C-alpha atoms as a PDB file:
ATOM      1  CA  GLY A   1      30.378 -48.581 -57.988  1.00  0.00           C
ATOM      2  CA  GLU A   2      33.453 -47.692 -56.353  1.00  0.00           C
ATOM      3  CA  SER A   3      35.632 -49.903 -54.135  1.00  0.00           C
ATOM      4  CA  ARG A   4      38.977 -50.534 -52.851  1.00  0.00           C
ATOM      5  CA  VAL A   5      41.154 -53.662 -53.036  1.00  0.00           C
ATOM      6  CA  PHE A   6      44.764 -54.679 -52.281  1.00  0.00           C
ATOM      7  CA  HIS A   7      46.263 -57.075 -53.658  1.00  0.00           C
ATOM      8  CA  LEU A   8      49.928 -58.868 -53.554  1.00  0.00           C
ATOM      9  CA  LYS A   9      52.059 -59.424 -56.480  1.00  0.00           C
ATOM     10  CA  GLU A  10      53.770 -62.012 -54.698  1.00  0.00           C
ATOM     11  CA  GLY A  11      52.213 -65.220 -52.583  1.00  0.00           C
ATOM     12  CA  PHE A  12      51.119 -63.859 -49.255  1.00  0.00           C
ATOM     13  CA  GLY A  13      53.717 -67.179 -47.717  1.00  0.00           C
ATOM     14  CA  ARG A  14      56.726 -65.834 -50.101  1.00  0.00           C
ATOM     15  CA  PHE A  15      56.292 -62.036 -49.318  1.00  0.00           C
ATOM     16  CA  ALA A  16      55.736 -63.269 -45.152  1.00  0.00           C
ATOM     17  CA  GLU A  17      59.021 -65.245 -45.580  1.00  0.00           C
ATOM     18  CA  ASP A  18      61.161 -62.695 -47.807  1.00  0.00           C
ATOM     19  CA  MET A  19      60.572 -60.188 -44.820  1.00  0.00           C
ATOM     20  CA  VAL A  20      61.873 -62.402 -42.189  1.00  0.00           C
ATOM     21  CA  GLN A  21      65.072 -63.266 -44.147  1.00  0.00           C
ATOM     22  CA  GLY A  22      65.509 -59.719 -44.945  1.00  0.00           C
ATOM     23  CA  ILE A  23      65.996 -58.578 -41.162  1.00  0.00           C
ATOM     24  CA  GLU A  24      69.293 -58.836 -39.699  1.00  0.00           C
ATOM     25  CA  THR A  25      67.916 -60.207 -36.521  1.00  0.00           C
ATOM     26  CA  GLU A  26      69.617 -62.170 -33.347  1.00  0.00           C
ATOM     27  CA  TYR A  27      66.921 -64.398 -33.480  1.00  0.00           C
ATOM     28  CA  ALA A  28      66.589 -68.424 -35.386  1.00  0.00           C
ATOM     29  CA  ILE A  29      62.990 -67.582 -37.265  1.00  0.00           C
ATOM     30  CA  ALA A  30      62.189 -70.175 -39.353  1.00  0.00           C
ATOM     31  CA  PRO A  31      58.814 -70.038 -41.663  1.00  0.00           C
ATOM     32  CA  MET A  32      57.507 -73.408 -42.160  1.00  0.00           C
ATOM     33  CA  LEU A  33      55.925 -72.920 -45.369  1.00  0.00           C
ATOM     34  CA  GLY A  34      54.069 -76.133 -47.364  1.00  0.00           C
ATOM     35  CA  LYS A  35      53.966 -78.343 -44.783  1.00  0.00           C
ATOM     36  CA  LYS A  36      50.988 -79.919 -43.195  1.00  0.00           C
ATOM     37  CA  LEU A  37      51.209 -79.234 -39.271  1.00  0.00           C
ATOM     38  CA  GLU A  38      50.049 -82.954 -37.493  1.00  0.00           C
ATOM     39  CA  SER A  39      50.353 -82.241 -33.907  1.00  0.00           C
ATOM     40  CA  ILE A  40      52.464 -79.928 -31.516  1.00  0.00           C
ATOM     41  CA  SER A  41      53.211 -80.839 -27.616  1.00  0.00           C
ATOM     42  CA  LEU A  42      54.925 -79.196 -25.345  1.00  0.00           C
ATOM     43  CA  MET A  43      58.366 -80.857 -23.833  1.00  0.00           C
ATOM     44  CA  LYS A  44      57.860 -80.948 -20.239  1.00  0.00           C
ATOM     45  CA  GLY A  45      54.206 -82.333 -20.282  1.00  0.00           C
ATOM     46  CA  GLY A  46      53.861 -83.985 -23.926  1.00  0.00           C
ATOM     47  CA  GLN A  47      50.561 -83.738 -25.828  1.00  0.00           C
ATOM     48  CA  ASP A  48      48.371 -84.087 -22.954  1.00  0.00           C
ATOM     49  CA  GLN A  49      49.304 -80.864 -21.242  1.00  0.00           C
ATOM     50  CA  ALA A  50      49.192 -79.341 -24.350  1.00  0.00           C
ATOM     51  CA  GLU A  51      45.473 -80.203 -24.793  1.00  0.00           C
ATOM     52  CA  SER A  52      44.979 -79.735 -21.181  1.00  0.00           C
ATOM     53  CA  PHE A  53      45.939 -76.212 -21.815  1.00  0.00           C
ATOM     54  CA  ALA A  54      44.086 -75.659 -25.163  1.00  0.00           C
ATOM     55  CA  ARG A  55      40.469 -76.990 -22.503  1.00  0.00           C
ATOM     56  CA  ASP A  56      40.956 -74.498 -20.146  1.00  0.00           C
ATOM     57  CA  GLN A  57      41.578 -71.626 -22.763  1.00  0.00           C
ATOM     58  CA  VAL A  58      38.472 -72.676 -24.658  1.00  0.00           C
ATOM     59  CA  ASN A  59      36.760 -72.938 -21.422  1.00  0.00           C
ATOM     60  CA  SER A  60      37.295 -69.210 -21.025  1.00  0.00           C
ATOM     61  CA  ILE A  61      35.263 -68.138 -23.936  1.00  0.00           C
ATOM     62  CA  PRO A  62      31.615 -67.167 -22.986  1.00  0.00           C
ATOM     63  CA  SER A  63      28.835 -70.098 -24.598  1.00  0.00           C
ATOM     64  CA  CYS A  64      25.984 -68.337 -26.341  1.00  0.00           C
ATOM     65  CA  LYS A  65      22.685 -70.296 -26.450  1.00  0.00           C
ATOM     66  CA  LYS A  66      19.748 -68.913 -28.333  1.00  0.00           C
ATOM     67  CA  GLY A  67      21.332 -65.436 -28.604  1.00  0.00           C
ATOM     68  CA  VAL A  68      22.158 -65.531 -25.125  1.00  0.00           C
ATOM     69  CA  LEU A  69      25.600 -64.974 -23.975  1.00  0.00           C
ATOM     70  CA  LEU A  70      26.675 -67.664 -21.125  1.00  0.00           C
ATOM     71  CA  PRO A  71      29.537 -66.954 -18.560  1.00  0.00           C
ATOM     72  CA  PRO A  72      32.807 -69.468 -19.448  1.00  0.00           C
ATOM     73  CA  LYS A  73      33.616 -72.274 -17.631  1.00  0.00           C
ATOM     74  CA  SER A  74      36.472 -71.104 -16.107  1.00  0.00           C
ATOM     75  CA  SER A  75      38.705 -67.888 -16.282  1.00  0.00           C
ATOM     76  CA  GLN A  76      41.500 -67.631 -19.115  1.00  0.00           C
ATOM     77  CA  SER A  77      44.257 -69.984 -18.280  1.00  0.00           C
ATOM     78  CA  ASP A  78      48.385 -68.150 -17.383  1.00  0.00           C
ATOM     79  CA  THR A  79      49.785 -71.033 -16.542  1.00  0.00           C
ATOM     80  CA  GLU A  80      53.465 -70.326 -17.352  1.00  0.00           C
ATOM     81  CA  PHE A  81      55.122 -73.221 -20.292  1.00  0.00           C
ATOM     82  CA  ASP A  82      58.736 -71.896 -20.080  1.00  0.00           C
ATOM     83  CA  GLY A  83      59.829 -75.339 -22.166  1.00  0.00           C
ATOM     84  CA  VAL A  84      60.565 -76.281 -25.630  1.00  0.00           C
ATOM     85  CA  ILE A  85      57.015 -76.527 -28.267  1.00  0.00           C
ATOM     86  CA  LYS A  86      57.650 -79.558 -30.256  1.00  0.00           C
ATOM     87  CA  LEU A  87      55.734 -79.748 -33.829  1.00  0.00           C
ATOM     88  CA  LYS A  88      55.305 -82.956 -35.757  1.00  0.00           C
ATOM     89  CA  PHE A  89      54.583 -82.505 -39.164  1.00  0.00           C
ATOM     90  CA  ALA A  90      53.404 -85.085 -42.288  1.00  0.00           C
ATOM     91  CA  ASP A  91      56.839 -85.279 -44.072  1.00  0.00           C
ATOM     92  CA  GLY A  92      58.085 -86.583 -40.700  1.00  0.00           C
ATOM     93  CA  ALA A  93      59.690 -83.992 -39.760  1.00  0.00           C
ATOM     94  CA  GLU A  94      60.086 -82.384 -36.246  1.00  0.00           C
ATOM     95  CA  VAL A  95      60.712 -78.930 -34.952  1.00  0.00           C
ATOM     96  CA  ASN A  96      61.539 -77.332 -31.442  1.00  0.00           C
ATOM     97  CA  ALA A  97      60.899 -74.451 -30.928  1.00  0.00           C
ATOM     98  CA  ARG A  98      60.075 -71.826 -27.828  1.00  0.00           C
ATOM     99  CA  SER A  99      57.456 -69.808 -29.512  1.00  0.00           C
ATOM    100  CA  VAL A 100      55.012 -70.461 -32.688  1.00  0.00           C
ATOM    101  CA  PHE A 101      53.022 -68.557 -34.786  1.00  0.00           C
ATOM    102  CA  LEU A 102      50.157 -70.645 -36.631  1.00  0.00           C
ATOM    103  CA  THR A 103      48.215 -68.731 -39.488  1.00  0.00           C
ATOM    104  CA  MET A 104      46.105 -72.077 -40.509  1.00  0.00           C
ATOM    105  CA  LEU A 105      42.132 -71.737 -41.120  1.00  0.00           C
ATOM    106  CA  PRO A 106      39.996 -71.742 -38.014  1.00  0.00           C
ATOM    107  CA  MET A 107      38.105 -75.423 -38.896  1.00  0.00           C
ATOM    108  CA  HIS A 108      42.060 -76.753 -39.969  1.00  0.00           C
ATOM    109  CA  LEU A 109      42.748 -75.690 -36.054  1.00  0.00           C
ATOM    110  CA  HIS A 110      41.052 -78.539 -34.086  1.00  0.00           C
ATOM    111  CA  GLY A 111      42.857 -81.324 -36.839  1.00  0.00           C
ATOM    112  CA  VAL A 112      46.102 -81.061 -35.214  1.00  0.00           C
ATOM    113  CA  LYS A 113      46.432 -83.533 -32.510  1.00  0.00           C
ATOM    114  CA  GLY A 114      47.563 -80.870 -29.183  1.00  0.00           C
ATOM    115  CA  LEU A 115      44.542 -78.376 -30.682  1.00  0.00           C
ATOM    116  CA  GLY A 116      41.638 -80.816 -30.451  1.00  0.00           C
ATOM    117  CA  PRO A 117      40.040 -79.499 -27.807  1.00  0.00           C
ATOM    118  CA  TRP A 118      38.677 -76.323 -30.526  1.00  0.00           C
ATOM    119  CA  LYS A 119      36.691 -78.608 -32.377  1.00  0.00           C
ATOM    120  CA  ASP A 120      33.630 -77.983 -30.916  1.00  0.00           C
ATOM    121  CA  THR A 121      33.529 -74.298 -30.843  1.00  0.00           C
ATOM    122  CA  VAL A 122      35.405 -73.690 -34.243  1.00  0.00           C
ATOM    123  CA  GLU A 123      32.657 -76.088 -35.785  1.00  0.00           C
ATOM    124  CA  GLY A 124      29.713 -73.649 -33.960  1.00  0.00           C
ATOM    125  CA  MET A 125      31.313 -70.673 -35.949  1.00  0.00           C
ATOM    126  CA  ASP A 126      28.403 -69.389 -38.739  1.00  0.00           C
ATOM    127  CA  LYS A 127      28.709 -70.555 -42.078  1.00  0.00           C
ATOM    128  CA  PRO A 128      31.634 -71.316 -43.389  1.00  0.00           C
ATOM    129  CA  ILE A 129      31.986 -71.217 -47.039  1.00  0.00           C
ATOM    130  CA  SER A 130      33.745 -71.660 -50.101  1.00  0.00           C
ATOM    131  CA  ALA A 131      35.217 -69.006 -52.969  1.00  0.00           C
ATOM    132  CA  ALA A 132      36.091 -69.394 -56.763  1.00  0.00           C
ATOM    133  CA  LYS A 133      37.740 -66.817 -58.749  1.00  0.00           C
ATOM    134  CA  LEU A 134      37.919 -66.676 -62.562  1.00  0.00           C
ATOM    135  CA  LEU A 135      40.453 -64.074 -64.358  1.00  0.00           C
ATOM    136  CA  LEU A 136      39.499 -63.515 -68.192  1.00  0.00           C
ATOM    137  CA  GLY A 137      42.291 -62.006 -70.205  1.00  0.00           C
ATOM    138  CA  TRP A 138      42.099 -60.282 -73.434  1.00  0.00           C
ATOM    139  CA  LYS A 139      45.532 -59.584 -75.877  1.00  0.00           C
ATOM    140  CA  HIS A 140      43.498 -56.149 -78.526  1.00  0.00           C
ATOM    141  CA  VAL A 141      40.434 -55.646 -76.469  1.00  0.00           C
ATOM    142  CA  ASN A 142      40.746 -52.977 -73.419  1.00  0.00           C
ATOM    143  CA  VAL A 143      38.129 -53.751 -71.464  1.00  0.00           C
ATOM    144  CA  ALA A 144      38.225 -50.754 -68.981  1.00  0.00           C
ATOM    145  CA  GLU A 145      37.839 -48.318 -71.787  1.00  0.00           C
ATOM    146  CA  LYS A 146      34.812 -49.740 -73.532  1.00  0.00           C
ATOM    147  CA  LEU A 147      32.809 -50.137 -70.311  1.00  0.00           C
ATOM    148  CA  GLY A 148      34.431 -46.631 -68.934  1.00  0.00           C
ATOM    149  CA  LEU A 149      35.476 -48.050 -66.016  1.00  0.00           C
ATOM    150  CA  THR A 150      38.732 -47.545 -63.716  1.00  0.00           C
ATOM    151  CA  PRO A 151      40.924 -51.006 -63.853  1.00  0.00           C
ATOM    152  CA  CYS A 152      42.402 -52.072 -60.311  1.00  0.00           C
ATOM    153  CA  ALA A 153      45.635 -52.429 -61.710  1.00  0.00           C
ATOM    154  CA  VAL A 154      46.893 -49.429 -64.444  1.00  0.00           C
ATOM    155  CA  ASP A 155      50.438 -49.368 -65.913  1.00  0.00           C
ATOM    156  CA  HIS A 156      51.355 -52.143 -63.591  1.00  0.00           C
ATOM    157  CA  SER A 157      50.968 -50.356 -60.517  1.00  0.00           C
ATOM    158  CA  THR A 158      47.951 -50.539 -57.846  1.00  0.00           C
ATOM    159  CA  SER A 159      45.692 -47.800 -58.034  1.00  0.00           C
ATOM    160  CA  ALA A 160      43.963 -45.781 -55.147  1.00  0.00           C
ATOM    161  CA  SER A 161      40.224 -47.597 -56.234  1.00  0.00           C
ATOM    162  CA  CYS A 162      39.137 -49.523 -59.014  1.00  0.00           C
ATOM    163  CA  GLU A 163      35.867 -50.412 -60.447  1.00  0.00           C
ATOM    164  CA  ARG A 164      33.273 -53.261 -60.462  1.00  0.00           C
ATOM    165  CA  ILE A 165      29.891 -53.859 -61.325  1.00  0.00           C
ATOM    166  CA  ILE A 166      27.399 -55.618 -58.928  1.00  0.00           C
ATOM    167  CA  ILE A 167      25.219 -58.123 -61.171  1.00  0.00           C
ATOM    168  CA  GLY A 168      22.222 -59.544 -59.015  1.00  0.00           C
ATOM    169  CA  GLY A 169      21.920 -62.030 -61.936  1.00  0.00           C
ATOM    170  CA  ASN A 170      18.933 -63.713 -62.754  1.00  0.00           C
ATOM    171  CA  ASN A 171      17.963 -65.845 -59.869  1.00  0.00           C
ATOM    172  CA  GLU A 172      19.157 -69.133 -61.967  1.00  0.00           C
ATOM    173  CA  ALA A 173      20.883 -71.160 -59.083  1.00  0.00           C
ATOM    174  CA  SER A 174      23.209 -71.904 -61.975  1.00  0.00           C
ATOM    175  CA  TRP A 175      24.285 -68.003 -62.367  1.00  0.00           C
ATOM    176  CA  PHE A 176      27.635 -67.240 -60.688  1.00  0.00           C
ATOM    177  CA  VAL A 177      28.453 -64.171 -62.331  1.00  0.00           C
ATOM    178  CA  THR A 178      27.941 -61.513 -59.329  1.00  0.00           C
ATOM    179  CA  GLN A 179      30.602 -59.361 -59.162  1.00  0.00           C
ATOM    180  CA  VAL A 180      33.122 -58.631 -61.776  1.00  0.00           C
ATOM    181  CA  TRP A 181      36.118 -56.826 -61.260  1.00  0.00           C
ATOM    182  CA  LEU A 182      37.929 -54.484 -63.486  1.00  0.00           C
ATOM    183  CA  TRP A 183      41.622 -55.903 -62.796  1.00  0.00           C
ATOM    184  CA  GLY A 184      43.292 -54.628 -65.459  1.00  0.00           C
ATOM    185  CA  LYS A 185      42.607 -52.863 -68.706  1.00  0.00           C
ATOM    186  CA  HIS A 186      42.673 -56.029 -70.841  1.00  0.00           C
ATOM    187  CA  SER A 187      41.366 -58.654 -67.958  1.00  0.00           C
ATOM    188  CA  ILE A 188      38.289 -58.835 -65.623  1.00  0.00           C
ATOM    189  CA  LEU A 189      37.883 -60.726 -62.133  1.00  0.00           C
ATOM    190  CA  LEU A 190      34.796 -62.775 -61.620  1.00  0.00           C
ATOM    191  CA  TYR A 191      34.112 -64.166 -57.790  1.00  0.00           C
ATOM    192  CA  SER A 192      31.739 -66.326 -56.179  1.00  0.00           C
ATOM    193  CA  THR A 193      30.717 -67.605 -53.185  1.00  0.00           C
ATOM    194  CA  GLY A 194      29.166 -70.719 -52.033  1.00  0.00           C
ATOM    195  CA  ASP A 195      27.897 -73.767 -49.941  1.00  0.00           C
ATOM    196  CA  PRO A 196      29.177 -76.829 -50.210  1.00  0.00           C
ATOM    197  CA  GLY A 197      30.848 -75.681 -53.317  1.00  0.00           C
ATOM    198  CA  THR A 198      30.541 -72.883 -55.911  1.00  0.00           C
ATOM    199  CA  GLN A 199      28.886 -73.026 -58.887  1.00  0.00           C
ATOM    200  CA  MET A 200      32.004 -72.241 -60.561  1.00  0.00           C
ATOM    201  CA  GLN A 201      33.775 -74.803 -59.166  1.00  0.00           C
ATOM    202  CA  ASN A 202      31.097 -77.396 -60.505  1.00  0.00           C
ATOM    203  CA  VAL A 203      30.930 -76.180 -64.252  1.00  0.00           C
ATOM    204  CA  TYR A 204      34.670 -76.356 -63.738  1.00  0.00           C
ATOM    205  CA  ASP A 205      34.805 -80.061 -62.446  1.00  0.00           C
ATOM    206  CA  GLY A 206      32.334 -80.974 -65.284  1.00  0.00           C
ATOM    207  CA  PRO A 207      33.461 -82.392 -68.709  1.00  0.00           C
ATOM    208  CA  GLY A 208      34.236 -79.571 -70.443  1.00  0.00           C
ATOM    209  CA  GLY A 209      36.690 -77.729 -67.248  1.00  0.00           C
ATOM    210  CA  LEU A 210      37.961 -74.113 -67.622  1.00  0.00           C
ATOM    211  CA  GLU A 211      36.903 -74.184 -71.275  1.00  0.00           C
ATOM    212  CA  ALA A 212      33.584 -74.432 -70.434  1.00  0.00           C
ATOM    213  CA  LEU A 213      33.680 -72.412 -67.370  1.00  0.00           C
ATOM    214  CA  THR A 214      34.914 -69.694 -69.093  1.00  0.00           C
ATOM    215  CA  ARG A 215      32.316 -69.692 -72.055  1.00  0.00           C
ATOM    216  CA  VAL A 216      29.472 -70.096 -69.079  1.00  0.00           C
ATOM    217  CA  ALA A 217      31.277 -67.099 -67.635  1.00  0.00           C
ATOM    218  CA  MET A 218      31.085 -65.091 -70.639  1.00  0.00           C
ATOM    219  CA  GLU A 219      27.866 -65.712 -71.810  1.00  0.00           C
ATOM    220  CA  GLN A 220      26.428 -64.497 -68.256  1.00  0.00           C
ATOM    221  CA  VAL A 221      28.541 -61.436 -67.960  1.00  0.00           C
ATOM    222  CA  ASN A 222      27.382 -60.605 -71.912  1.00  0.00           C
ATOM    223  CA  ALA A 223      23.808 -61.564 -70.265  1.00  0.00           C
ATOM    224  CA  ALA A 224      24.174 -58.834 -67.709  1.00  0.00           C
ATOM    225  CA  LEU A 225      25.945 -56.327 -69.776  1.00  0.00           C
ATOM    226  CA  LYS A 226      23.200 -56.145 -72.823  1.00  0.00           C
ATOM    227  CA  LYS A 227      20.022 -55.827 -70.106  1.00  0.00           C
ATOM    228  CA  ARG A 228      22.399 -52.827 -68.396  1.00  0.00           C
ATOM    229  CA  GLU A 229      24.500 -50.899 -70.722  1.00  0.00           C
ATOM    230  CA  ASN A 230      23.848 -52.901 -74.236  1.00  0.00           C
ATOM    231  CA  LYS A 231      27.681 -54.010 -74.479  1.00  0.00           C
ATOM    232  CA  GLN A 232      29.291 -57.413 -75.527  1.00  0.00           C
ATOM    233  CA  LEU A 233      32.764 -58.897 -74.999  1.00  0.00           C
ATOM    234  CA  PRO A 234      34.486 -61.372 -77.068  1.00  0.00           C
ATOM    235  CA  LEU A 235      35.661 -64.670 -75.721  1.00  0.00           C
ATOM    236  CA  PRO A 236      38.722 -64.112 -74.172  1.00  0.00           C
ATOM    237  CA  ASP A 237      42.481 -65.400 -75.346  1.00  0.00           C
ATOM    238  CA  TRP A 238      42.807 -66.488 -71.938  1.00  0.00           C
ATOM    239  CA  SER A 239      41.431 -67.595 -68.182  1.00  0.00           C
ATOM    240  CA  ARG A 240      42.693 -68.503 -64.644  1.00  0.00           C
ATOM    241  CA  PHE A 241      40.572 -70.363 -62.774  1.00  0.00           C
ATOM    242  CA  LYS A 242      41.378 -70.924 -58.463  1.00  0.00           C
ATOM    243  CA  TYR A 243      39.051 -72.076 -56.147  1.00  0.00           C
ATOM    244  CA  TRP A 244      39.083 -72.289 -52.425  1.00  0.00           C
ATOM    245  CA  PRO A 245      37.123 -75.121 -50.249  1.00  0.00           C
ATOM    246  CA  LYS A 246      34.530 -74.578 -47.980  1.00  0.00           C
ATOM    247  CA  GLY A 247      35.837 -73.022 -44.444  1.00  0.00           C
ATOM    248  CA  SER A 248      38.243 -70.498 -46.224  1.00  0.00           C
ATOM    249  CA  LEU A 249      35.569 -67.899 -46.206  1.00  0.00           C
ATOM    250  CA  VAL A 250      33.613 -66.847 -42.487  1.00  0.00           C
ATOM    251  CA  PRO A 251      31.283 -64.512 -43.081  1.00  0.00           C
ATOM    252  CA  TYR A 252      30.152 -63.819 -39.918  1.00  0.00           C
ATOM    253  CA  TRP A 253      30.375 -65.187 -36.198  1.00  0.00           C
ATOM    254  CA  GLY A 254      28.216 -67.857 -35.226  1.00  0.00           C
ATOM    255  CA  CYS A 255      27.446 -65.466 -31.965  1.00  0.00           C
ATOM    256  CA  MET A 256      27.273 -61.467 -32.628  1.00  0.00           C
ATOM    257  CA  GLN A 257      25.756 -60.706 -29.196  1.00  0.00           C
ATOM    258  CA  GLU A 258      28.011 -57.432 -27.760  1.00  0.00           C
ATOM    259  CA  GLY A 259      31.430 -58.567 -26.400  1.00  0.00           C
ATOM    260  CA  TYR A 260      31.693 -61.974 -27.833  1.00  0.00           C
ATOM    261  CA  PRO A 261      33.174 -62.314 -31.298  1.00  0.00           C
ATOM    262  CA  GLU A 262      36.016 -60.097 -29.306  1.00  0.00           C
ATOM    263  CA  LYS A 263      36.573 -62.355 -26.606  1.00  0.00           C
ATOM    264  CA  TYR A 264      36.223 -65.833 -28.820  1.00  0.00           C
ATOM    265  CA  SER A 265      38.747 -63.897 -31.041  1.00  0.00           C
ATOM    266  CA  GLU A 266      41.389 -62.901 -28.150  1.00  0.00           C
ATOM    267  CA  ALA A 267      41.123 -66.129 -26.529  1.00  0.00           C
ATOM    268  CA  MET A 268      41.980 -68.096 -30.633  1.00  0.00           C
ATOM    269  CA  ARG A 269      44.807 -66.114 -30.653  1.00  0.00           C
ATOM    270  CA  ARG A 270      46.788 -67.516 -28.122  1.00  0.00           C
ATOM    271  CA  PRO A 271      45.032 -70.452 -28.392  1.00  0.00           C
ATOM    272  CA  PHE A 272      47.245 -72.725 -24.994  1.00  0.00           C
ATOM    273  CA  GLY A 273      46.548 -69.552 -23.387  1.00  0.00           C
ATOM    274  CA  LYS A 274      49.299 -66.656 -22.832  1.00  0.00           C
ATOM    275  CA  GLY A 275      51.288 -68.816 -20.621  1.00  0.00           C
ATOM    276  CA  VAL A 276      52.553 -70.675 -23.601  1.00  0.00           C
ATOM    277  CA  ASN A 277      54.287 -68.900 -26.702  1.00  0.00           C
ATOM    278  CA  VAL A 278      52.096 -70.211 -29.698  1.00  0.00           C
ATOM    279  CA  PHE A 279      50.065 -67.496 -31.398  1.00  0.00           C
ATOM    280  CA  TYR A 280      47.105 -67.735 -33.746  1.00  0.00           C
ATOM    281  CA  ALA A 281      46.417 -65.165 -36.276  1.00  0.00           C
ATOM    282  CA  ASN A 282      44.123 -65.626 -39.732  1.00  0.00           C
ATOM    283  CA  SER A 283      41.608 -63.050 -41.369  1.00  0.00           C
ATOM    284  CA  GLU A 284      38.143 -65.568 -40.713  1.00  0.00           C
ATOM    285  CA  ALA A 285      38.665 -65.456 -36.603  1.00  0.00           C
ATOM    286  CA  ALA A 286      39.759 -61.369 -36.575  1.00  0.00           C
ATOM    287  CA  LYS A 287      37.165 -59.719 -34.148  1.00  0.00           C
ATOM    288  CA  HIS A 288      35.691 -57.451 -36.399  1.00  0.00           C
ATOM    289  CA  PHE A 289      33.255 -59.509 -38.923  1.00  0.00           C
ATOM    290  CA  GLU A 290      33.770 -57.096 -41.536  1.00  0.00           C
ATOM    291  CA  MET A 291      37.645 -58.052 -41.518  1.00  0.00           C
ATOM    292  CA  HIS A 292      36.775 -61.606 -42.725  1.00  0.00           C
ATOM    293  CA  SER A 293      37.667 -62.832 -45.990  1.00  0.00           C
ATOM    294  CA  TRP A 294      40.084 -59.770 -46.502  1.00  0.00           C
ATOM    295  CA  VAL A 295      43.465 -59.943 -45.862  1.00  0.00           C
ATOM    296  CA  GLU A 296      43.020 -56.446 -43.388  1.00  0.00           C
ATOM    297  CA  GLY A 297      41.410 -59.374 -40.915  1.00  0.00           C
ATOM    298  CA  ALA A 298      44.790 -61.267 -40.559  1.00  0.00           C
ATOM    299  CA  PHE A 299      46.630 -57.838 -39.830  1.00  0.00           C
ATOM    300  CA  GLU A 300      44.768 -57.632 -36.978  1.00  0.00           C
ATOM    301  CA  MET A 301      45.008 -60.397 -35.348  1.00  0.00           C
ATOM    302  CA  VAL A 302      48.760 -60.280 -36.002  1.00  0.00           C
ATOM    303  CA  GLU A 303      49.155 -56.788 -34.621  1.00  0.00           C
ATOM    304  CA  ALA A 304      46.651 -57.926 -31.787  1.00  0.00           C
ATOM    305  CA  SER A 305      49.995 -60.337 -30.608  1.00  0.00           C
ATOM    306  CA  PHE A 306      52.850 -57.701 -32.086  1.00  0.00           C
ATOM    307  CA  GLU A 307      54.089 -57.254 -28.539  1.00  0.00           C
ATOM    308  CA  ASP A 308      53.439 -60.183 -27.323  1.00  0.00           C
ATOM    309  CA  VAL A 309      55.540 -61.767 -29.494  1.00  0.00           C
ATOM    310  CA  LYS A 310      58.747 -59.580 -29.428  1.00  0.00           C
ATOM    311  CA  ALA A 311      58.517 -60.231 -25.558  1.00  0.00           C
ATOM    312  CA  SER A 312      58.136 -64.265 -26.429  1.00  0.00           C
ATOM    313  CA  LEU A 313      61.371 -63.911 -28.448  1.00  0.00           C
ATOM    314  CA  LYS A 314      63.519 -61.326 -26.086  1.00  0.00           C
ATOM    315  CA  LYS A 315      62.457 -64.643 -23.436  1.00  0.00           C
ATOM    316  CA  SER A 316      63.664 -67.252 -25.836  1.00  0.00           C
END
């Protein structure tokens, strides 16, 4: 069937950093890339005050018990904190800021000291899973022409739409080829999800590594193509593998009662409450679960915070 796909040729972190560095601004903005955040504390009240604000914010979210939405324990925290936010990183670095934007996965949020009160509610989010992608390429085989499908990338530009093959497999636990994307006219992209790990990862971690994974993948692709279109592809000239650990995808909300996803996402967007200039966005916490697992989900949360972020920078 026909599908649409958006892909960034640069890493998203580099993309964001280039945007910031390319804009003339009176504000001092410092992207913290490739660093592990260990703690957030408030200069005037320390880590205890940060946890108190986080706890109030968590308590402002309605609870969901057996499909029934229960009222929140308290209203959303709006205590004003007009002060410095202190960030400590695993490499020993410390940063003081008046406005902070966090983007880690929801399941990593409560691992940061100061955000511990989010632990129970984040772990209650439904079915966090892992994902894997395998890119297969041929030097002289035009896969798109051979299969009669439109690739996602055409002559170094992005197609408005591209096609993929949906393969149901043969119900064996070892089968992992379910989506075959025509990434380019000489390449295909395989996508797999699972809990706790994907079948792709299991094969990759075995004795044969990437070579074994490529061989098994092509066996499954050709088995499906033979059954559907009586076509076959040779082994690729090269392959690349990328794995995302459990929690990288949260395809559904733990509670789908009307109003809950919106209230949860809105609260997490400001994890210490509206009075503290700490903002959060991640595709897996977007209010519309259809946007989870897609970059549009992250954009949705960023857009929701845009005006508040601008206001916080002016105050700073």
